[in-house]
N, C-alpha and C. Protein backbone atom coordinates (compact mmCIF):
# COMPACT_ATOMS: atom_id res chain seq x y z
N MET A 1 39.43 36.93 59.24
CA MET A 1 39.19 35.55 59.56
C MET A 1 40.49 34.78 59.31
N PHE A 2 40.82 33.89 60.24
CA PHE A 2 42.01 33.06 60.11
C PHE A 2 41.58 31.60 59.92
N VAL A 3 42.33 30.88 59.10
CA VAL A 3 42.05 29.47 58.83
C VAL A 3 43.31 28.66 59.08
N ALA A 4 43.18 27.61 59.88
CA ALA A 4 44.29 26.67 60.07
C ALA A 4 44.23 25.68 58.91
N ASP A 5 45.14 25.81 57.98
CA ASP A 5 45.23 24.92 56.82
C ASP A 5 46.13 23.76 57.22
N THR A 6 45.55 22.82 57.94
CA THR A 6 46.29 21.74 58.59
C THR A 6 47.15 20.95 57.61
N GLY A 7 46.59 20.51 56.52
CA GLY A 7 47.32 19.68 55.58
C GLY A 7 48.49 20.36 54.90
N ASN A 8 48.41 21.68 54.79
CA ASN A 8 49.49 22.45 54.17
C ASN A 8 50.37 23.15 55.20
N HIS A 9 50.12 22.89 56.49
CA HIS A 9 50.97 23.37 57.58
C HIS A 9 51.13 24.89 57.57
N ARG A 10 50.02 25.60 57.41
CA ARG A 10 50.07 27.05 57.35
C ARG A 10 48.80 27.66 57.92
N ILE A 11 48.85 28.96 58.15
CA ILE A 11 47.68 29.74 58.55
C ILE A 11 47.37 30.69 57.41
N GLN A 12 46.10 30.81 57.08
CA GLN A 12 45.69 31.74 56.04
C GLN A 12 44.78 32.80 56.66
N LYS A 13 44.86 34.00 56.12
CA LYS A 13 44.03 35.11 56.61
C LYS A 13 43.15 35.60 55.46
N PHE A 14 41.85 35.82 55.78
CA PHE A 14 40.87 36.28 54.81
C PHE A 14 40.10 37.47 55.38
N THR A 15 39.52 38.26 54.49
CA THR A 15 38.62 39.31 54.94
C THR A 15 37.31 38.68 55.40
N ALA A 16 36.46 39.47 56.01
CA ALA A 16 35.14 38.97 56.43
C ALA A 16 34.30 38.51 55.25
N ASP A 17 34.60 39.03 54.05
CA ASP A 17 33.89 38.62 52.84
C ASP A 17 34.48 37.38 52.19
N GLY A 18 35.58 36.86 52.75
CA GLY A 18 36.21 35.66 52.22
C GLY A 18 37.31 35.90 51.22
N ASP A 19 37.72 37.15 51.05
CA ASP A 19 38.81 37.46 50.14
C ASP A 19 40.15 37.15 50.80
N TYR A 20 41.02 36.47 50.08
CA TYR A 20 42.34 36.09 50.57
C TYR A 20 43.19 37.34 50.84
N ILE A 21 43.89 37.34 52.01
CA ILE A 21 44.81 38.43 52.34
C ILE A 21 46.25 37.94 52.33
N THR A 22 46.54 36.91 53.14
CA THR A 22 47.92 36.43 53.24
C THR A 22 47.94 35.04 53.87
N GLN A 23 49.12 34.48 53.92
CA GLN A 23 49.34 33.22 54.62
C GLN A 23 50.73 33.25 55.22
N TRP A 24 50.96 32.39 56.19
CA TRP A 24 52.32 32.29 56.72
C TRP A 24 52.61 30.90 57.20
N ALA A 25 53.90 30.62 57.27
CA ALA A 25 54.49 29.38 57.76
C ALA A 25 54.62 28.33 56.67
N GLY A 26 54.78 27.15 57.09
CA GLY A 26 55.01 25.97 56.28
C GLY A 26 55.44 24.88 57.24
N LYS A 27 55.68 23.71 56.75
CA LYS A 27 56.00 22.60 57.63
C LYS A 27 57.39 22.76 58.24
N GLY A 28 57.46 22.50 59.54
CA GLY A 28 58.73 22.56 60.24
C GLY A 28 58.54 22.70 61.73
N SER A 29 59.64 22.83 62.43
CA SER A 29 59.58 22.98 63.89
C SER A 29 60.17 24.31 64.35
N ASP A 30 60.58 25.16 63.41
CA ASP A 30 61.09 26.48 63.76
C ASP A 30 59.98 27.35 64.34
N ALA A 31 60.36 28.49 64.89
CA ALA A 31 59.39 29.38 65.54
C ALA A 31 58.24 29.79 64.62
N GLY A 32 58.50 30.01 63.36
CA GLY A 32 57.46 30.46 62.45
C GLY A 32 56.86 29.37 61.59
N ALA A 33 57.14 28.13 61.89
CA ALA A 33 56.64 27.00 61.09
C ALA A 33 55.66 26.16 61.91
N PHE A 34 54.89 25.34 61.22
CA PHE A 34 53.90 24.48 61.88
C PHE A 34 54.04 23.03 61.42
N ASN A 35 53.51 22.16 62.24
CA ASN A 35 53.37 20.76 61.87
C ASN A 35 51.97 20.35 62.31
N ASN A 36 51.03 20.49 61.40
CA ASN A 36 49.61 20.21 61.62
C ASN A 36 48.94 21.19 62.58
N PRO A 37 48.88 22.47 62.20
CA PRO A 37 48.15 23.43 63.04
C PRO A 37 46.66 23.09 63.05
N ARG A 38 46.03 23.12 64.22
CA ARG A 38 44.64 22.68 64.33
C ARG A 38 43.69 23.72 64.90
N GLY A 39 44.17 24.61 65.72
CA GLY A 39 43.26 25.57 66.35
C GLY A 39 43.86 26.95 66.39
N ILE A 40 42.98 27.95 66.36
CA ILE A 40 43.41 29.35 66.39
C ILE A 40 42.55 30.11 67.39
N ALA A 41 43.19 31.00 68.14
CA ALA A 41 42.47 31.91 69.04
C ALA A 41 43.10 33.28 68.93
N ILE A 42 42.31 34.30 69.16
CA ILE A 42 42.79 35.68 69.13
C ILE A 42 42.40 36.34 70.44
N ASP A 43 43.37 36.98 71.11
CA ASP A 43 43.06 37.62 72.39
C ASP A 43 42.65 39.08 72.18
N SER A 44 42.35 39.77 73.27
CA SER A 44 41.86 41.15 73.19
C SER A 44 42.92 42.14 72.70
N ASN A 45 44.17 41.72 72.66
CA ASN A 45 45.26 42.55 72.13
C ASN A 45 45.62 42.18 70.70
N ASP A 46 44.79 41.38 70.07
CA ASP A 46 44.97 40.91 68.69
C ASP A 46 46.18 40.00 68.49
N HIS A 47 46.62 39.33 69.54
CA HIS A 47 47.64 38.30 69.38
C HIS A 47 46.94 37.04 68.87
N VAL A 48 47.58 36.37 67.94
CA VAL A 48 47.03 35.13 67.38
C VAL A 48 47.77 33.96 67.99
N TYR A 49 47.02 32.99 68.52
CA TYR A 49 47.58 31.78 69.11
C TYR A 49 47.20 30.60 68.23
N VAL A 50 48.19 29.77 67.92
CA VAL A 50 47.95 28.61 67.06
C VAL A 50 48.36 27.35 67.79
N ALA A 51 47.45 26.38 67.85
CA ALA A 51 47.76 25.07 68.41
C ALA A 51 48.50 24.27 67.34
N ASP A 52 49.79 24.07 67.57
CA ASP A 52 50.66 23.38 66.62
C ASP A 52 50.75 21.92 67.07
N THR A 53 49.82 21.12 66.60
CA THR A 53 49.57 19.78 67.12
C THR A 53 50.81 18.88 67.18
N ASP A 54 51.46 18.66 66.06
CA ASP A 54 52.56 17.69 66.04
C ASP A 54 53.89 18.25 66.56
N ASN A 55 53.96 19.57 66.77
CA ASN A 55 55.11 20.14 67.46
C ASN A 55 54.83 20.28 68.95
N HIS A 56 53.63 19.91 69.37
CA HIS A 56 53.24 19.87 70.78
C HIS A 56 53.42 21.21 71.48
N CYS A 57 52.90 22.28 70.84
CA CYS A 57 53.03 23.60 71.46
C CYS A 57 51.94 24.54 70.97
N ILE A 58 51.85 25.67 71.64
CA ILE A 58 51.02 26.79 71.22
C ILE A 58 51.98 27.89 70.79
N LYS A 59 51.77 28.44 69.61
CA LYS A 59 52.63 29.51 69.11
C LYS A 59 51.84 30.81 69.10
N LYS A 60 52.50 31.90 69.48
CA LYS A 60 51.87 33.21 69.60
C LYS A 60 52.45 34.15 68.54
N PHE A 61 51.57 34.87 67.85
CA PHE A 61 51.97 35.81 66.81
C PHE A 61 51.34 37.17 67.09
N SER A 62 52.14 38.22 66.92
CA SER A 62 51.59 39.55 67.09
C SER A 62 51.66 40.36 65.79
N ASN A 63 52.45 39.92 64.86
CA ASN A 63 52.55 40.58 63.55
C ASN A 63 52.12 39.60 62.49
N TYR A 64 50.99 39.83 61.96
CA TYR A 64 50.45 38.91 60.94
C TYR A 64 49.86 39.72 59.84
């Protein structure tokens, strides 16, 4: 399970039971950073897409 932690400008990953696994990013405009991430989608190839609201883009991740 992935969580868009909007206020902390990061994405967090948890197991199906809610156990914390990892997090990534922080505030910024670089490729691996976010500025108010709001939405997450996962495609059939397990790519993670994040709607990076204040950077006005969608970011794609394949290694998480």
